[in-house]
């Protein structure tokens, strides 16, 4: 099913991650991150929310700089990422 749903997306297969959850768990996914942060005393601190589009021509650079470089060292909360087929 995942292969069918992602068949028209342009991505590097090794970078695809997926997790099977119930619909309720999907809707509640950020809350689980909130509970984890609260248990660590990290919820009542600024946690920025950023939405942006990254062109496919720059996604590898974005991955290396942001995901591997910055976020792997400086985040403890959830990170939501959604691929988009613009056609």
Foldseek 3Di string as FASTA:
>chain_A
DVCVVCVPPDDDVVPDDDDDDDPVCVVCVQVVQLVVCVVVVRNPDDDDDDDDDDDPVCVVVCCVCPVVNPPVPDDDGDDDDDDDDPD
